[in-house]
């Protein structure tokens, strides 16, 4: 069979960094893992093509026997549009991914020949075999969690590696934490299920062979299984010696790892340079109200500073709108971020995601609005929406306070100070390839960056860039590349949040909780920065 696997285009969002692509030079942040994984799961003997619509267009008239589409809720409109277009031509269509859940499977099923719910490691190859025999089913539901050792190395070579900012690898699924607002434990399990060490290292080597210089480990909690990750980090340390530190890594984990100095030493030695941490709130009572207990162990600022001392830049996820929040919380967020020196911050309104304990609690309390979730997981217009009726202040105060917060933290001077503060906290050397050279593409990025910040009539923008440049060269010249990268992403973050702060407060913010609103697309799963 001729099989076409598609990842539909994402609408503009906080996570795509689209507003700084003109400087950075690539087409998208990171490649999808679902498509190359499905390709690896497909029995031999079939002709495969993978298309990520974020980096190349789809020919809806192409001659194929089967189209497989993956997607998140945020891609829903485009997923169904592509499915309908192919089916109108008589092409068989299958859809899977986080977009297919118990609450959506009936709707999705009406647009496809085959629908997949849950992990696909077992159902996809069985489907292909059954399809060849003419015995394919309409629905495939994987209820039990799969053994990650059965997940093959994705066929990354079928994508366009050079089109992305960074490569990606998934080493595990599941999270042992019990954060009330997170759907990962319910969807992927409380136990971290891991690939074998040999599997992960095979993927690392594959990315290096394809020309990657960085890899983002997209696990929702990279250190969910400490013993396994310790062995992996030891292998990565040895591998870095073999390749002269030609790769650097980023990941996600919880802030309480700041107490584990052995793991931090290994992360530093393996050349991990950035981590995304769900800090959520500087208020202890807000964290405890949603069972984010791992964040109340020790002092939050001190824990962030410990991570930074290992030359690991901390990016943070923050949330406003907890039941224990009040109008003073916005100033507390801003003060905390400045004190901790966290440059990049993804801020959102609290959402009750279906399937989470928070959603169940809000439903019991009669505080759920009849709309799908918005926030940072949704499209641009959704960031000012929440499906929860707040208790400590009215909706308008919540939204306008949020708009003021994001505008202030992404103003020129506060961002520059947080970035420089983060770099100054670094206390370790940075491993770089001995034969590292400035490539033509890197020089082009620097030239475009300088042009944007220096050849401008915006005096504050120019002053900020020169301050970051001079401050880095004086305090941490070895961190110049990190500083410049943060100036690239700042272009997107400032423009995105600045526009958001100027939007009118949506009707939701003044409507009674019983109003029926137009559904807003939302992304399932942990949000992942690049």
Protein backbone atom coordinates (compact mmCIF):
# COMPACT_ATOMS: atom_id res chain seq x y z
CA UNK A 1 0.00 0.00 0.00
CA UNK A 2 0.92 3.64 -0.43
CA UNK A 3 0.54 5.19 3.01
CA UNK A 4 0.61 8.93 3.74
CA UNK A 5 1.02 10.02 7.39
CA UNK A 6 0.12 13.63 8.17
CA UNK A 7 0.65 16.02 11.06
CA UNK A 8 -1.72 18.97 10.30
CA UNK A 9 -0.59 22.54 10.68
CA UNK A 10 -0.91 24.09 14.11
CA UNK A 11 -2.68 27.46 14.30
CA UNK A 12 -0.53 30.32 15.66
CA UNK A 13 0.20 29.72 19.32
CA UNK A 14 2.45 30.64 22.19
CA UNK A 15 4.54 27.54 21.60
CA UNK A 16 5.41 27.87 17.90
CA UNK A 17 7.81 30.86 18.20
CA UNK A 18 6.57 31.88 14.76
CA UNK A 19 7.20 35.57 15.35
CA UNK A 20 10.95 35.00 15.63
CA UNK A 21 11.36 32.50 12.76
CA UNK A 22 12.56 35.31 10.50
CA UNK A 23 15.63 35.58 12.74
CA UNK A 24 16.07 31.94 13.77
CA UNK A 25 15.87 30.62 10.20
CA UNK A 26 14.12 27.25 10.65
CA UNK A 27 10.51 26.46 9.74
CA UNK A 28 9.22 25.05 13.04
CA UNK A 29 10.24 24.33 16.61
CA UNK A 30 10.49 20.54 16.73
CA UNK A 31 9.38 17.55 14.63
CA UNK A 32 6.34 15.44 15.51
CA UNK A 33 7.13 12.09 17.10
CA UNK A 34 3.88 10.36 16.19
CA UNK A 35 4.55 10.17 12.44
CA UNK A 36 8.05 8.63 12.51
CA UNK A 37 6.91 6.28 15.29
CA UNK A 38 3.96 5.09 13.22
CA UNK A 39 6.30 4.65 10.27
CA UNK A 40 8.53 2.42 12.37
CA UNK A 41 5.50 0.42 13.52
CA UNK A 42 4.29 -0.16 9.95
CA UNK A 43 5.05 -3.68 8.71
CA UNK A 44 7.63 -3.81 5.92
CA UNK A 45 6.58 -3.84 2.31
CA UNK A 46 4.59 -0.60 2.22
CA UNK A 47 5.48 2.74 0.61
CA UNK A 48 5.53 5.42 3.29
CA UNK A 49 5.53 9.21 3.11
CA UNK A 50 5.41 11.57 6.08
CA UNK A 51 4.23 15.18 5.87
CA UNK A 52 4.39 17.70 8.68
CA UNK A 53 2.23 20.54 7.39
CA UNK A 54 4.10 22.95 9.65
CA UNK A 55 7.10 22.71 7.31
CA UNK A 56 5.64 21.59 3.96
CA UNK A 57 2.32 21.67 2.15
CA UNK A 58 -0.03 18.74 1.58
CA UNK A 59 -1.08 17.69 -1.90
CA UNK A 60 -4.69 16.68 -1.29
CA UNK A 61 -4.83 15.08 -4.75
CA UNK A 62 -1.88 12.73 -4.22
CA UNK A 63 -2.49 9.10 -5.11
CA UNK A 64 -2.40 7.01 -1.92
CA UNK A 65 -4.29 4.04 -0.48
CA UNK A 66 -4.33 5.12 3.17
CA UNK A 67 -4.00 8.43 4.98
CA UNK A 68 -3.16 8.43 8.69
CA UNK A 69 -3.66 11.72 10.59
CA UNK A 70 -2.53 12.54 14.11
CA UNK A 71 -3.49 15.63 16.06
CA UNK A 72 -4.12 17.57 19.24
CA UNK A 73 -7.37 19.39 20.01
CA UNK A 74 -5.81 22.65 18.89
CA UNK A 75 -5.49 21.12 15.38
CA UNK A 76 -9.05 19.78 15.31
CA UNK A 77 -10.46 21.96 12.54
CA UNK A 78 -7.57 21.19 10.19
CA UNK A 79 -7.56 17.47 11.09
CA UNK A 80 -11.19 17.08 10.07
CA UNK A 81 -10.77 19.27 7.00
CA UNK A 82 -7.94 17.06 5.69
CA UNK A 83 -9.84 13.88 6.55
CA UNK A 84 -12.97 15.04 4.72
CA UNK A 85 -10.96 16.10 1.66
CA UNK A 86 -9.32 12.70 1.23
CA UNK A 87 -12.48 10.73 1.97
CA UNK A 88 -14.34 12.78 -0.67
CA UNK A 89 -11.92 11.26 -3.17
CA UNK A 90 -12.53 7.77 -1.86
CA UNK A 91 -9.23 7.50 0.04
CA UNK A 92 -9.27 5.48 3.26
CA UNK A 93 -8.57 7.68 6.31
CA UNK A 94 -7.51 6.88 9.88
CA UNK A 95 -7.18 9.35 12.76
CA UNK A 96 -5.49 8.96 16.15
CA UNK A 97 -3.54 10.95 18.72
CA UNK A 98 -4.58 13.02 21.76
CA UNK A 99 -7.49 14.47 19.77
CA UNK A 100 -9.27 11.11 20.17
CA UNK A 101 -10.59 10.67 23.70
CA UNK A 102 -13.70 9.11 25.15
CA UNK A 103 -15.53 12.44 24.85
CA UNK A 104 -14.53 13.00 21.21
CA UNK A 105 -14.27 9.55 19.66
CA UNK A 106 -17.87 9.49 18.36
CA UNK A 107 -17.45 12.85 16.62
CA UNK A 108 -14.10 11.93 15.09
CA UNK A 109 -15.41 8.52 13.99
CA UNK A 110 -17.97 10.20 11.72
CA UNK A 111 -15.17 11.71 9.63
CA UNK A 112 -12.98 8.63 9.16
CA UNK A 113 -12.87 5.00 8.19
CA UNK A 114 -10.78 4.05 11.21
CA UNK A 115 -10.27 5.78 14.55
CA UNK A 116 -7.59 5.06 17.16
CA UNK A 117 -7.83 5.89 20.86
CA UNK A 118 -4.84 5.52 23.16
CA UNK A 119 -1.27 4.52 22.47
CA UNK A 120 -0.70 3.04 19.00
CA UNK A 121 2.25 0.68 19.47
CA UNK A 122 0.02 -2.40 19.42
CA UNK A 123 -3.07 -1.26 17.51
CA UNK A 124 -1.41 0.32 14.45
CA UNK A 125 0.58 -2.72 13.22
CA UNK A 126 -2.43 -4.95 13.92
CA UNK A 127 -4.61 -2.59 11.87
CA UNK A 128 -2.23 -2.64 8.89
CA UNK A 129 -2.13 -6.43 8.94
CA UNK A 130 -5.91 -6.66 9.19
CA UNK A 131 -6.35 -4.08 6.45
CA UNK A 132 -4.27 -6.18 4.06
CA UNK A 133 -6.58 -9.11 4.78
CA UNK A 134 -9.72 -7.02 4.36
CA UNK A 135 -10.58 -7.43 8.04
CA UNK A 136 -9.87 -3.93 9.40
CA UNK A 137 -12.09 -2.65 12.22
CA UNK A 138 -13.65 0.79 12.52
CA UNK A 139 -12.41 1.49 16.04
CA UNK A 140 -9.17 0.56 17.77
CA UNK A 141 -9.03 1.33 21.49
CA UNK A 142 -5.87 0.66 23.52
CA UNK A 143 -7.03 0.58 27.12
CA UNK A 144 -3.97 -0.92 28.82
CA UNK A 145 -0.74 1.08 28.96
CA UNK A 146 1.88 -0.28 26.59
CA UNK A 147 5.39 -1.43 27.46
CA UNK A 148 7.69 1.34 26.23
CA UNK A 149 10.29 -1.25 25.30
CA UNK A 150 7.88 -2.16 22.49
CA UNK A 151 8.05 1.35 21.06
CA UNK A 152 10.57 1.22 18.18
CA UNK A 153 13.10 3.92 17.29
CA UNK A 154 11.15 6.43 15.18
CA UNK A 155 12.12 6.77 11.53
CA UNK A 156 13.29 10.37 11.83
CA UNK A 157 14.92 10.23 8.41
CA UNK A 158 11.48 10.33 6.76
CA UNK A 159 10.95 13.90 8.00
CA UNK A 160 12.99 17.00 7.16
CA UNK A 161 15.39 17.28 10.13
CA UNK A 162 16.95 20.54 8.95
CA UNK A 163 13.58 22.27 9.03
CA UNK A 164 13.36 22.23 12.84
CA UNK A 165 15.04 24.13 15.65
CA UNK A 166 15.78 21.01 17.67
CA UNK A 167 15.41 17.25 17.53
CA UNK A 168 13.13 15.40 19.96
CA UNK A 169 13.23 12.09 21.81
CA UNK A 170 10.72 10.49 24.16
CA UNK A 171 12.37 8.23 26.74
CA UNK A 172 9.34 7.60 28.96
CA UNK A 173 5.62 8.18 29.45
CA UNK A 174 3.73 8.79 32.66
CA UNK A 175 4.36 10.91 35.73
CA UNK A 176 4.46 9.91 39.43
CA UNK A 177 3.23 13.33 40.60
CA UNK A 178 -0.39 14.01 41.49
CA UNK A 179 -0.97 17.62 40.39
CA UNK A 180 -4.73 18.07 40.41
CA UNK A 181 -4.93 20.04 37.14
CA UNK A 182 -2.77 17.68 35.05
CA UNK A 183 -4.18 14.90 32.85
CA UNK A 184 -0.89 13.02 32.35
CA UNK A 185 -1.28 10.55 35.28
CA UNK A 186 -4.82 9.64 34.21
CA UNK A 187 -3.93 9.36 30.51
CA UNK A 188 -0.43 7.90 30.65
CA UNK A 189 -0.16 6.49 34.17
CA UNK A 190 1.42 7.39 37.51
CA UNK A 191 4.40 5.11 36.88
CA UNK A 192 7.10 6.29 34.48
CA UNK A 193 7.32 3.64 31.75
CA UNK A 194 10.72 3.84 30.11
CA UNK A 195 12.39 2.72 26.93
CA UNK A 196 15.53 0.66 27.38
CA UNK A 197 18.86 2.44 27.62
CA UNK A 198 19.90 0.89 24.31
CA UNK A 199 16.76 2.21 22.60
CA UNK A 200 17.33 5.77 23.76
CA UNK A 201 21.02 5.82 22.84
CA UNK A 202 20.16 4.45 19.40
CA UNK A 203 17.84 7.42 18.91
CA UNK A 204 20.45 9.88 20.15
CA UNK A 205 22.97 8.52 17.67
CA UNK A 206 20.39 8.64 14.88
CA UNK A 207 19.74 12.35 15.47
CA UNK A 208 23.45 13.11 15.54
CA UNK A 209 23.89 11.29 12.22
CA UNK A 210 21.09 13.43 10.75
CA UNK A 211 22.94 16.62 11.74
CA UNK A 212 21.23 17.60 15.00
CA UNK A 213 23.16 19.79 17.45
CA UNK A 214 20.48 19.72 20.18
CA UNK A 215 17.88 17.27 21.44
CA UNK A 216 14.81 18.01 23.53
CA UNK A 217 13.72 15.07 25.71
CA UNK A 218 9.97 15.65 25.64
CA UNK A 219 9.04 13.39 28.59
CA UNK A 220 6.51 15.16 30.79
CA UNK A 221 8.81 14.39 33.74
CA UNK A 222 12.28 13.40 32.55
CA UNK A 223 13.31 12.09 35.96
CA UNK A 224 10.12 10.16 36.67
CA UNK A 225 12.20 7.00 37.08
CA UNK A 226 15.36 8.14 38.85
CA UNK A 227 17.33 4.89 38.61
CA UNK A 228 16.71 4.60 34.88
CA UNK A 229 17.56 8.24 34.19
CA UNK A 230 20.75 7.97 36.23
CA UNK A 231 21.93 5.14 33.97
CA UNK A 232 20.91 7.12 30.90
CA UNK A 233 22.78 10.23 32.05
CA UNK A 234 25.90 8.19 32.75
CA UNK A 235 25.69 6.81 29.20
CA UNK A 236 25.19 10.33 27.81
CA UNK A 237 28.23 11.61 29.72
CA UNK A 238 30.36 8.90 28.14
CA UNK A 239 28.81 9.55 24.73
CA UNK A 240 29.61 13.26 24.98
CA UNK A 241 33.27 12.38 25.44
CA UNK A 242 33.13 10.26 22.27
CA UNK A 243 31.61 13.05 20.17
CA UNK A 244 33.50 15.97 21.78
CA UNK A 245 30.30 17.44 23.28
CA UNK A 246 28.75 18.04 19.86
CA UNK A 247 25.21 17.81 21.31
CA UNK A 248 23.40 19.64 24.06
CA UNK A 249 20.11 18.64 25.67
CA UNK A 250 16.98 20.16 27.15
CA UNK A 251 14.17 18.52 29.13
CA UNK A 252 11.35 18.94 31.64
CA UNK A 253 11.37 17.96 35.31
CA UNK A 254 10.05 19.11 38.68
CA UNK A 255 11.70 21.78 40.81
CA UNK A 256 12.35 19.43 43.74
CA UNK A 257 15.21 17.92 41.71
CA UNK A 258 17.21 20.88 43.03
CA UNK A 259 17.72 18.78 46.18
CA UNK A 260 19.36 15.94 44.21
CA UNK A 261 22.93 17.12 43.68
CA UNK A 262 24.05 13.78 42.20
CA UNK A 263 21.49 14.10 39.41
CA UNK A 264 22.39 17.73 38.82
CA UNK A 265 26.07 16.85 38.49
CA UNK A 266 25.15 14.23 35.89
CA UNK A 267 22.84 16.60 34.02
CA UNK A 268 25.62 19.16 33.84
CA UNK A 269 28.24 16.62 32.76
CA UNK A 270 25.88 15.32 30.06
CA UNK A 271 25.51 18.89 28.70
CA UNK A 272 21.91 19.65 29.67
CA UNK A 273 21.56 23.40 29.27
CA UNK A 274 17.88 24.17 29.71
CA UNK A 275 14.90 22.80 31.61
CA UNK A 276 11.22 23.65 31.61
CA UNK A 277 9.74 23.53 35.11
CA UNK A 278 6.10 23.80 36.12
CA UNK A 279 6.45 26.23 39.01
CA UNK A 280 2.86 27.47 38.67
CA UNK A 281 2.73 29.91 41.59
CA UNK A 282 4.92 31.57 44.22
CA UNK A 283 2.10 31.07 46.74
CA UNK A 284 2.44 27.99 48.90
CA UNK A 285 -1.30 27.81 49.56
CA UNK A 286 -2.05 27.94 45.83
CA UNK A 287 0.32 25.04 45.17
CA UNK A 288 -1.14 22.98 47.99
CA UNK A 289 -4.69 23.70 46.82
CA UNK A 290 -3.99 21.68 43.64
CA UNK A 291 -1.69 19.11 45.28
CA UNK A 292 1.51 20.46 43.69
CA UNK A 293 3.32 19.32 46.82
CA UNK A 294 6.71 18.81 45.19
CA UNK A 295 6.94 22.59 44.78
CA UNK A 296 6.66 23.39 48.47
CA UNK A 297 9.78 21.45 49.44
CA UNK A 298 12.33 24.11 50.25
CA UNK A 299 12.41 27.69 49.02
CA UNK A 300 11.31 28.12 45.39
CA UNK A 301 13.77 30.91 44.59
CA UNK A 302 16.64 29.03 46.18
CA UNK A 303 15.75 25.87 44.25
CA UNK A 304 15.74 27.75 40.95
CA UNK A 305 19.11 29.27 41.79
CA UNK A 306 20.54 25.83 42.52
CA UNK A 307 19.56 24.63 39.04
CA UNK A 308 21.02 27.77 37.46
CA UNK A 309 24.30 27.24 39.31
CA UNK A 310 24.77 24.10 37.20
CA UNK A 311 24.45 26.25 34.07
CA UNK A 312 20.92 24.95 33.48
CA UNK A 313 18.69 27.81 32.35
CA UNK A 314 15.24 27.52 33.90
CA UNK A 315 12.14 28.24 31.83
CA UNK A 316 8.92 28.20 33.84
CA UNK A 317 5.23 27.54 33.50
CA UNK A 318 3.10 29.78 35.71
CA UNK A 319 -0.64 29.79 36.40
CA UNK A 320 -3.00 32.42 37.81
CA UNK A 321 -6.59 31.89 38.88
CA UNK A 322 -6.24 29.37 41.72
CA UNK A 323 -8.96 29.50 44.37
CA UNK A 324 -6.48 30.96 46.83
CA UNK A 325 -5.38 33.71 44.41
CA UNK A 326 -6.53 37.31 44.75
CA UNK A 327 -5.60 40.55 42.93
CA UNK A 328 -2.30 40.79 44.82
CA UNK A 329 -1.05 37.55 43.25
CA UNK A 330 -0.05 39.24 39.98
CA UNK A 331 2.53 41.42 41.71
CA UNK A 332 3.76 38.36 43.61
CA UNK A 333 4.34 36.50 40.34
CA UNK A 334 6.29 39.39 38.88
CA UNK A 335 8.41 39.80 42.01
CA UNK A 336 9.14 36.07 42.20
CA UNK A 337 10.25 35.86 38.56
CA UNK A 338 12.57 38.81 39.02
CA UNK A 339 14.04 37.40 42.23
CA UNK A 340 14.55 33.94 40.72
CA UNK A 341 15.94 35.26 37.43
CA UNK A 342 13.68 33.21 35.16
CA UNK A 343 13.81 34.76 31.67
CA UNK A 344 11.23 32.75 29.70
CA UNK A 345 7.85 32.29 31.36
CA UNK A 346 4.72 30.68 29.92
CA UNK A 347 1.81 32.17 31.86
CA UNK A 348 -1.75 30.91 31.63
CA UNK A 349 -5.11 30.96 33.35
CA UNK A 350 -6.04 27.89 35.37
CA UNK A 351 -8.00 25.35 33.32
CA UNK A 352 -9.96 22.27 34.35
CA UNK A 353 -8.98 19.65 31.77
CA UNK A 354 -11.47 16.81 31.30
CA UNK A 355 -10.29 13.65 33.03
CA UNK A 356 -8.39 15.47 35.78
CA UNK A 357 -9.26 15.59 39.49
CA UNK A 358 -9.63 19.36 39.17
CA UNK A 359 -12.26 18.95 36.46
CA UNK A 360 -14.18 16.52 38.66
CA UNK A 361 -13.96 18.85 41.65
CA UNK A 362 -15.12 21.88 39.65
CA UNK A 363 -18.00 19.83 38.21
CA UNK A 364 -19.13 18.78 41.68
CA UNK A 365 -18.99 22.40 42.81
CA UNK A 366 -21.00 23.59 39.80
CA UNK A 367 -18.16 25.87 38.69
CA UNK A 368 -17.51 24.50 35.20
CA UNK A 369 -18.48 26.61 32.23
CA UNK A 370 -19.98 24.84 29.26
CA UNK A 371 -16.99 25.39 27.02
CA UNK A 372 -13.82 23.53 26.18
CA UNK A 373 -10.65 24.67 27.89
CA UNK A 374 -8.61 27.59 26.62
CA UNK A 375 -5.38 28.87 28.11
CA UNK A 376 -1.86 28.27 26.81
CA UNK A 377 -2.92 24.91 25.37
CA UNK A 378 -5.35 26.55 22.99
CA UNK A 379 -5.36 28.93 20.07
CA UNK A 380 -4.33 32.56 20.38
CA UNK A 381 -7.80 33.91 21.23
CA UNK A 382 -8.26 31.24 23.91
CA UNK A 383 -5.54 32.48 26.22
CA UNK A 384 -7.98 34.89 27.86
CA UNK A 385 -10.54 32.16 28.55
CA UNK A 386 -10.96 29.75 31.43
CA UNK A 387 -13.61 27.09 31.93
CA UNK A 388 -13.56 27.67 35.70
CA UNK A 389 -15.59 30.27 37.56
CA UNK A 390 -13.07 31.96 39.90
CA UNK A 391 -13.95 32.63 43.53
CA UNK A 392 -11.50 35.22 44.85
CA UNK A 393 -12.20 37.92 42.26
CA UNK A 394 -14.45 38.44 39.26
CA UNK A 395 -13.57 37.33 35.74
CA UNK A 396 -12.73 40.80 34.48
CA UNK A 397 -10.24 41.36 37.29
CA UNK A 398 -8.65 37.98 36.56
CA UNK A 399 -8.26 38.65 32.84
CA UNK A 400 -7.09 42.24 33.11
CA UNK A 401 -4.66 41.32 35.90
CA UNK A 402 -3.30 38.53 33.70
CA UNK A 403 -2.91 40.90 30.73
CA UNK A 404 -1.03 43.40 32.86
CA UNK A 405 1.24 40.67 34.25
CA UNK A 406 2.34 39.29 30.88
CA UNK A 407 2.85 42.76 29.47
CA UNK A 408 5.05 43.78 32.40
CA UNK A 409 7.21 40.65 32.53
CA UNK A 410 7.94 40.91 28.81
CA UNK A 411 8.80 44.57 28.84
CA UNK A 412 12.40 45.24 27.77
CA UNK A 413 14.08 46.05 31.08
CA UNK A 414 12.53 43.28 33.25
CA UNK A 415 13.34 40.62 30.67
CA UNK A 416 16.93 41.79 30.27
CA UNK A 417 17.45 41.83 34.03
CA UNK A 418 16.01 38.32 34.48
CA UNK A 419 18.15 36.95 31.66
CA UNK A 420 21.36 38.50 32.98
CA UNK A 421 20.49 37.39 36.51
CA UNK A 422 20.06 33.82 35.28
CA UNK A 423 23.40 33.85 33.45
CA UNK A 424 25.25 35.35 36.41
CA UNK A 425 24.03 32.46 38.58
CA UNK A 426 25.97 29.97 36.45
CA UNK A 427 28.92 28.57 38.41
CA UNK A 428 30.13 25.75 36.16
CA UNK A 429 32.09 25.61 32.91
CA UNK A 430 30.20 24.90 29.70
CA UNK A 431 31.39 21.99 27.57
CA UNK A 432 31.70 22.90 23.91
CA UNK A 433 33.24 21.04 20.95
CA UNK A 434 36.97 21.71 20.66
CA UNK A 435 36.55 22.22 16.92
CA UNK A 436 33.43 24.34 17.17
CA UNK A 437 33.21 26.86 14.34
CA UNK A 438 30.80 29.54 13.32
CA UNK A 439 28.89 28.13 10.37
CA UNK A 440 27.40 30.28 7.65
CA UNK A 441 23.89 29.64 9.01
CA UNK A 442 24.88 30.68 12.53
CA UNK A 443 26.51 33.84 11.26
CA UNK A 444 23.34 34.62 9.32
CA UNK A 445 21.27 34.28 12.50
CA UNK A 446 23.60 36.65 14.36
CA UNK A 447 23.41 39.14 11.50
CA UNK A 448 19.61 39.06 11.42
CA UNK A 449 19.49 39.36 15.21
CA UNK A 450 21.77 42.39 15.23
CA UNK A 451 19.81 44.01 12.42
CA UNK A 452 16.52 43.58 14.30
CA UNK A 453 17.81 44.99 17.59
CA UNK A 454 20.20 47.65 16.35
CA UNK A 455 18.74 48.99 13.11
CA UNK A 456 15.56 50.21 14.72
CA UNK A 457 13.96 53.46 15.78
CA UNK A 458 12.93 51.79 19.04
CA UNK A 459 15.59 53.17 21.37
CA UNK A 460 14.55 50.90 24.26
CA UNK A 461 14.88 47.80 22.12
CA UNK A 462 18.38 48.80 21.03
CA UNK A 463 19.42 49.71 24.57
CA UNK A 464 18.15 46.38 25.91
CA UNK A 465 20.11 44.36 23.35
CA UNK A 466 23.33 46.25 24.06
CA UNK A 467 22.79 45.82 27.80
CA UNK A 468 22.38 42.04 27.46
CA UNK A 469 25.36 41.81 25.12
CA UNK A 470 27.72 43.85 27.29
CA UNK A 471 26.47 42.30 30.54
CA UNK A 472 27.02 38.79 29.22
CA UNK A 473 30.51 39.53 27.88
CA UNK A 474 31.52 41.03 31.22
CA UNK A 475 30.05 38.38 33.54
CA UNK A 476 29.75 35.13 31.54
CA UNK A 477 31.29 35.40 28.04
CA UNK A 478 31.00 31.61 27.67
CA UNK A 479 27.21 32.08 27.82
CA UNK A 480 27.06 34.42 24.82
CA UNK A 481 25.35 31.82 22.63
CA UNK A 482 22.71 31.24 25.33
CA UNK A 483 22.14 34.98 25.69
CA UNK A 484 21.71 35.47 21.94
CA UNK A 485 19.29 32.54 21.73
CA UNK A 486 17.16 34.15 24.43
CA UNK A 487 17.13 37.38 22.46
CA UNK A 488 15.81 35.46 19.45
CA UNK A 489 12.90 33.88 21.36
CA UNK A 490 12.18 37.18 23.12
CA UNK A 491 11.08 38.70 19.82
CA UNK A 492 8.26 36.17 19.62
CA UNK A 493 7.32 36.21 23.30
CA UNK A 494 7.13 39.99 23.58
CA UNK A 495 5.10 40.41 20.39
CA UNK A 496 2.77 37.53 21.26
CA UNK A 497 2.02 38.59 24.82
CA UNK A 498 1.97 42.29 23.93
CA UNK A 499 -0.78 41.67 21.38
CA UNK A 500 -2.60 39.49 23.89
CA UNK A 501 -2.48 42.23 26.51
CA UNK A 502 -4.24 44.62 24.14
CA UNK A 503 -7.17 42.34 23.27
CA UNK A 504 -10.57 43.31 24.71
CA UNK A 505 -11.73 41.25 27.66
CA UNK A 506 -13.84 38.42 26.17
CA UNK A 507 -17.55 38.12 26.92
CA UNK A 508 -16.77 35.08 29.06
CA UNK A 509 -15.25 37.37 31.64
CA UNK A 510 -18.61 39.03 32.34
CA UNK A 511 -21.02 36.19 31.54
CA UNK A 512 -22.79 33.98 34.08
CA UNK A 513 -21.30 30.53 34.48
CA UNK A 514 -24.34 28.86 32.89
CA UNK A 515 -23.86 30.51 29.48
CA UNK A 516 -23.15 28.21 26.55
CA UNK A 517 -20.06 29.39 24.70
CA UNK A 518 -18.54 28.58 21.35
CA UNK A 519 -16.09 25.68 21.86
CA UNK A 520 -12.42 26.60 21.94
CA UNK A 521 -9.81 24.16 20.64
CA UNK A 522 -7.37 22.99 23.27
CA UNK A 523 -4.28 20.85 23.25
CA UNK A 524 -4.26 17.70 25.32
CA UNK A 525 -1.12 16.65 27.06
CA UNK A 526 1.62 18.56 28.80
CA UNK A 527 2.56 21.71 26.96
CA UNK A 528 6.21 21.56 25.75
CA UNK A 529 8.47 24.48 25.01
CA UNK A 530 11.34 24.35 22.74
